[in-house]
Each structure stands twice: as C-alpha cells, then as structure tokens.
C-alpha cells in the first residue's frame, strides 16, 4: 500500500521554512557565513556589523575610504549577493 502524502524532503523543508517565515533569517545566516568568500578578506576585515531587515542589507564599515568606495558599487553588491544566496533576497544596501 502506497501513501498518498509522500513528498521529497527538500519540498517539505521548503514548505516549513515558508510557513514559519524562516527563509529570510536562513538567508541572512548564509550571507554572514559567505561574506568573506563573496567580497574578499579586506572588506570582510573592515565589516563590523551586518544585518538584513525588509530586504535591506545594513553594513557598518569601519574604514571611511572603503565605505566611500562601496557606496559606488551598491548595485554590483546586490547582484552578487542575490546570485549567491537567493533571487530577490536584497533590494537595497545601506552603508554606515
């Protein structure tokens, strides 16, 4: 006798994350873990804090010249993050 409600584990986990609204938090954790890999050791070294709220990535950068340089490349950062983590995860970057 075959069960009628069989689903692959991947689908069940995706539904669970969706129903408990955990997908964004999970993506934020993945972003923090992959930050150095995505943007290199220099940017990672000067990044003090980062968090995501309402599809906005908030970054606290301790180096003023690096902060200024990153202000000009926000679109590339958004593209790289969304490509690596999840489509439409970040829509805006706020650098402080």
N, C-alpha and C. Protein backbone atom coordinates (compact mmCIF):
# COMPACT_ATOMS: atom_id res chain seq x y z
N UNK A 1 0.83 -1.18 0.00
CA UNK A 1 0.00 0.00 0.00
C UNK A 1 0.89 1.25 0.00
N UNK A 2 0.66 2.13 -0.96
CA UNK A 2 1.47 3.33 -1.09
C UNK A 2 0.77 4.52 -0.43
N UNK A 3 1.55 5.33 0.23
CA UNK A 3 1.00 6.51 0.91
C UNK A 3 0.68 7.60 -0.11
N UNK A 4 -0.34 8.36 0.17
CA UNK A 4 -0.77 9.41 -0.75
C UNK A 4 -0.07 10.75 -0.49
N UNK A 5 0.49 10.93 0.68
CA UNK A 5 1.08 12.23 1.01
C UNK A 5 2.61 12.20 0.99
N UNK A 6 3.21 11.34 0.20
CA UNK A 6 4.66 11.28 0.10
C UNK A 6 5.17 12.52 -0.65
N UNK A 7 6.19 13.15 -0.07
CA UNK A 7 6.84 14.30 -0.68
C UNK A 7 8.33 14.18 -0.45
N UNK A 8 9.12 14.69 -1.39
CA UNK A 8 10.56 14.71 -1.16
C UNK A 8 10.90 15.61 0.04
N UNK A 9 11.94 15.26 0.74
CA UNK A 9 12.36 16.00 1.94
C UNK A 9 12.65 17.46 1.62
N UNK A 10 13.22 17.72 0.46
CA UNK A 10 13.55 19.09 0.06
C UNK A 10 12.28 19.96 0.00
N UNK A 11 11.21 19.43 -0.54
CA UNK A 11 9.95 20.17 -0.62
C UNK A 11 9.35 20.41 0.77
N UNK A 12 9.45 19.42 1.64
CA UNK A 12 8.91 19.55 2.99
C UNK A 12 9.65 20.64 3.75
N UNK A 13 10.97 20.66 3.63
CA UNK A 13 11.78 21.68 4.31
C UNK A 13 11.46 23.07 3.75
N UNK A 14 11.31 23.18 2.43
CA UNK A 14 10.98 24.46 1.82
C UNK A 14 9.62 24.96 2.32
N UNK A 15 8.64 24.08 2.43
CA UNK A 15 7.32 24.46 2.95
C UNK A 15 7.41 24.89 4.42
N UNK A 16 8.21 24.18 5.17
CA UNK A 16 8.39 24.50 6.59
C UNK A 16 9.00 25.90 6.75
N UNK A 17 10.06 26.18 5.99
CA UNK A 17 10.70 27.50 6.05
C UNK A 17 9.73 28.60 5.64
N UNK A 18 8.92 28.31 4.63
CA UNK A 18 7.95 29.29 4.16
C UNK A 18 6.85 29.54 5.19
N UNK A 19 6.33 28.48 5.78
CA UNK A 19 5.20 28.63 6.70
C UNK A 19 5.61 29.32 8.01
N UNK A 20 6.84 29.11 8.45
CA UNK A 20 7.29 29.74 9.69
C UNK A 20 8.09 31.03 9.44
N UNK A 21 8.14 31.48 8.19
CA UNK A 21 8.83 32.71 7.81
C UNK A 21 10.30 32.70 8.24
N UNK A 22 10.96 31.60 8.00
CA UNK A 22 12.36 31.44 8.39
C UNK A 22 13.33 31.58 7.22
N UNK A 23 12.82 31.65 6.01
CA UNK A 23 13.68 31.69 4.84
C UNK A 23 14.61 32.92 4.87
N UNK A 24 14.09 34.08 5.21
CA UNK A 24 14.92 35.29 5.22
C UNK A 24 16.01 35.20 6.28
N UNK A 25 15.68 34.68 7.44
CA UNK A 25 16.68 34.54 8.50
C UNK A 25 17.76 33.54 8.10
N UNK A 26 17.35 32.45 7.46
CA UNK A 26 18.31 31.46 6.99
C UNK A 26 19.23 32.06 5.93
N UNK A 27 18.67 32.86 5.03
CA UNK A 27 19.48 33.52 4.01
C UNK A 27 20.45 34.53 4.63
N UNK A 28 20.01 35.21 5.69
CA UNK A 28 20.89 36.16 6.38
C UNK A 28 22.09 35.42 7.00
N UNK A 29 21.85 34.29 7.59
CA UNK A 29 22.93 33.49 8.17
C UNK A 29 23.89 33.02 7.08
N UNK A 30 23.34 32.60 5.96
CA UNK A 30 24.18 32.17 4.83
C UNK A 30 25.04 33.34 4.32
N UNK A 31 24.46 34.54 4.28
CA UNK A 31 25.19 35.71 3.82
C UNK A 31 26.36 36.02 4.75
N UNK A 32 26.12 35.99 6.04
CA UNK A 32 27.18 36.25 7.02
C UNK A 32 28.30 35.21 6.87
N UNK A 33 27.93 33.96 6.68
CA UNK A 33 28.93 32.90 6.54
C UNK A 33 29.74 33.04 5.26
N UNK A 34 29.12 33.51 4.19
CA UNK A 34 29.79 33.59 2.89
C UNK A 34 30.34 34.99 2.58
N UNK A 35 30.25 35.92 3.52
CA UNK A 35 30.64 37.31 3.27
C UNK A 35 32.08 37.42 2.77
N UNK A 36 33.02 36.78 3.45
CA UNK A 36 34.43 36.85 3.05
C UNK A 36 34.63 36.22 1.68
N UNK A 37 33.95 35.14 1.42
CA UNK A 37 34.05 34.45 0.14
C UNK A 37 33.52 35.34 -1.00
N UNK A 38 32.46 36.07 -0.74
CA UNK A 38 31.84 36.90 -1.77
C UNK A 38 32.63 38.18 -2.05
N UNK A 39 33.17 38.82 -0.99
CA UNK A 39 33.75 40.15 -1.16
C UNK A 39 35.22 40.25 -0.76
N UNK A 40 35.81 39.18 -0.31
CA UNK A 40 37.23 39.18 -0.03
C UNK A 40 37.59 39.52 1.41
N UNK A 41 38.86 39.29 1.73
CA UNK A 41 39.33 39.47 3.10
C UNK A 41 39.35 40.94 3.54
N UNK A 42 39.69 41.85 2.64
CA UNK A 42 39.79 43.26 3.01
C UNK A 42 38.45 43.81 3.45
N UNK A 43 37.42 43.61 2.65
CA UNK A 43 36.09 44.10 3.00
C UNK A 43 35.58 43.40 4.25
N UNK A 44 35.83 42.11 4.33
CA UNK A 44 35.40 41.34 5.50
C UNK A 44 36.07 41.84 6.78
N UNK A 45 37.33 42.20 6.67
CA UNK A 45 38.10 42.68 7.82
C UNK A 45 37.53 43.98 8.39
N UNK A 46 37.04 44.86 7.52
CA UNK A 46 36.53 46.16 7.95
C UNK A 46 35.01 46.18 8.16
N UNK A 47 34.36 45.05 7.98
CA UNK A 47 32.92 44.98 8.22
C UNK A 47 32.69 44.64 9.69
N UNK A 48 32.15 45.61 10.44
CA UNK A 48 31.92 45.40 11.86
C UNK A 48 30.61 44.67 12.12
N UNK A 49 29.53 45.15 11.52
CA UNK A 49 28.22 44.54 11.73
C UNK A 49 27.49 44.49 10.41
N UNK A 50 26.61 43.50 10.30
CA UNK A 50 25.72 43.43 9.15
C UNK A 50 24.45 42.72 9.58
N UNK A 51 23.33 43.22 9.06
CA UNK A 51 22.06 42.56 9.29
C UNK A 51 21.11 42.91 8.17
N UNK A 52 20.06 42.10 8.03
CA UNK A 52 19.07 42.29 6.98
C UNK A 52 17.73 42.57 7.63
N UNK A 53 17.04 43.59 7.10
CA UNK A 53 15.71 43.93 7.57
C UNK A 53 14.90 44.42 6.38
N UNK A 54 13.79 43.78 6.11
CA UNK A 54 12.90 44.16 4.99
C UNK A 54 13.64 44.26 3.66
N UNK A 55 14.43 43.24 3.37
CA UNK A 55 15.18 43.14 2.11
C UNK A 55 16.24 44.23 1.95
N UNK A 56 16.62 44.88 3.04
CA UNK A 56 17.70 45.86 3.05
C UNK A 56 18.87 45.28 3.84
N UNK A 57 20.05 45.38 3.28
CA UNK A 57 21.26 44.94 3.96
C UNK A 57 21.91 46.17 4.58
N UNK A 58 22.07 46.13 5.90
CA UNK A 58 22.71 47.21 6.64
C UNK A 58 24.13 46.79 6.97
N UNK A 59 25.10 47.60 6.55
CA UNK A 59 26.51 47.30 6.79
C UNK A 59 27.15 48.43 7.60
N UNK A 60 27.95 48.06 8.58
CA UNK A 60 28.75 49.02 9.35
C UNK A 60 30.21 48.75 8.97
N UNK A 61 30.79 49.70 8.24
CA UNK A 61 32.16 49.58 7.75
C UNK A 61 33.04 50.55 8.53
N UNK A 62 34.14 50.05 9.07
CA UNK A 62 34.99 50.88 9.94
C UNK A 62 35.99 51.75 9.18
N UNK A 63 36.22 51.49 7.92
CA UNK A 63 37.17 52.26 7.12
C UNK A 63 36.41 53.25 6.23
N UNK A 64 36.67 54.54 6.43
CA UNK A 64 35.98 55.57 5.65
C UNK A 64 36.26 55.48 4.14
N UNK A 65 37.50 55.29 3.72
CA UNK A 65 37.75 55.16 2.27
C UNK A 65 37.04 53.95 1.66
N UNK A 66 37.06 52.84 2.37
CA UNK A 66 36.39 51.64 1.88
C UNK A 66 34.88 51.86 1.84
N UNK A 67 34.36 52.51 2.84
CA UNK A 67 32.92 52.82 2.90
C UNK A 67 32.53 53.66 1.68
N UNK A 68 33.34 54.66 1.37
CA UNK A 68 33.05 55.53 0.22
C UNK A 68 33.10 54.74 -1.08
N UNK A 69 34.08 53.88 -1.22
CA UNK A 69 34.21 53.06 -2.42
C UNK A 69 33.02 52.11 -2.57
N UNK A 70 32.58 51.55 -1.46
CA UNK A 70 31.45 50.62 -1.50
C UNK A 70 30.14 51.32 -1.84
N UNK A 71 30.04 52.60 -1.51
CA UNK A 71 28.84 53.37 -1.84
C UNK A 71 28.61 53.40 -3.35
N UNK A 72 29.70 53.42 -4.11
CA UNK A 72 29.59 53.48 -5.57
C UNK A 72 29.27 52.14 -6.22
N UNK A 73 29.44 51.06 -5.49
CA UNK A 73 29.24 49.74 -6.10
C UNK A 73 28.08 48.96 -5.46
N UNK A 74 27.08 49.67 -4.97
CA UNK A 74 25.94 49.01 -4.31
C UNK A 74 25.19 48.07 -5.26
N UNK A 75 25.00 48.50 -6.50
CA UNK A 75 24.25 47.66 -7.46
C UNK A 75 24.97 46.34 -7.72
N UNK A 76 26.29 46.40 -7.85
CA UNK A 76 27.07 45.17 -8.07
C UNK A 76 27.01 44.27 -6.84
N UNK A 77 27.03 44.88 -5.66
CA UNK A 77 26.93 44.09 -4.43
C UNK A 77 25.59 43.36 -4.35
N UNK A 78 24.51 44.07 -4.65
CA UNK A 78 23.18 43.47 -4.61
C UNK A 78 23.10 42.32 -5.60
N UNK A 79 23.62 42.54 -6.78
CA UNK A 79 23.60 41.50 -7.81
C UNK A 79 24.38 40.26 -7.37
N UNK A 80 25.57 40.47 -6.81
CA UNK A 80 26.41 39.36 -6.39
C UNK A 80 25.76 38.58 -5.23
N UNK A 81 25.18 39.30 -4.28
CA UNK A 81 24.53 38.64 -3.14
C UNK A 81 23.33 37.84 -3.59
N UNK A 82 22.48 38.43 -4.42
CA UNK A 82 21.28 37.74 -4.88
C UNK A 82 21.62 36.53 -5.75
N UNK A 83 22.71 36.62 -6.47
CA UNK A 83 23.15 35.50 -7.29
C UNK A 83 23.65 34.34 -6.41
N UNK A 84 24.33 34.67 -5.33
CA UNK A 84 24.93 33.64 -4.48
C UNK A 84 23.96 33.06 -3.45
N UNK A 85 23.08 33.88 -2.91
CA UNK A 85 22.22 33.46 -1.80
C UNK A 85 20.84 33.05 -2.29
N UNK A 86 20.09 34.01 -2.78
CA UNK A 86 18.71 33.73 -3.19
C UNK A 86 18.22 34.88 -4.05
N UNK A 87 17.51 34.55 -5.11
CA UNK A 87 16.97 35.57 -6.00
C UNK A 87 16.06 36.51 -5.22
N UNK A 88 16.25 37.81 -5.40
CA UNK A 88 15.44 38.86 -4.77
C UNK A 88 15.53 38.84 -3.24
N UNK A 89 16.69 38.49 -2.72
CA UNK A 89 16.90 38.49 -1.26
C UNK A 89 17.18 39.90 -0.76
N UNK A 90 18.04 40.64 -1.47
CA UNK A 90 18.41 42.00 -1.09
C UNK A 90 17.98 42.95 -2.21
N UNK A 91 17.32 44.03 -1.82
CA UNK A 91 16.91 45.05 -2.80
C UNK A 91 17.68 46.35 -2.62
N UNK A 92 18.23 46.57 -1.43
CA UNK A 92 18.92 47.82 -1.14
C UNK A 92 20.04 47.55 -0.15
N UNK A 93 21.12 48.34 -0.25
CA UNK A 93 22.24 48.25 0.68
C UNK A 93 22.40 49.60 1.35
N UNK A 94 22.47 49.59 2.68
CA UNK A 94 22.69 50.81 3.46
C UNK A 94 24.04 50.66 4.15
N UNK A 95 24.94 51.59 3.84
CA UNK A 95 26.30 51.50 4.39
C UNK A 95 26.51 52.65 5.36
N UNK A 96 26.97 52.31 6.55
CA UNK A 96 27.20 53.31 7.61
C UNK A 96 28.62 53.21 8.09
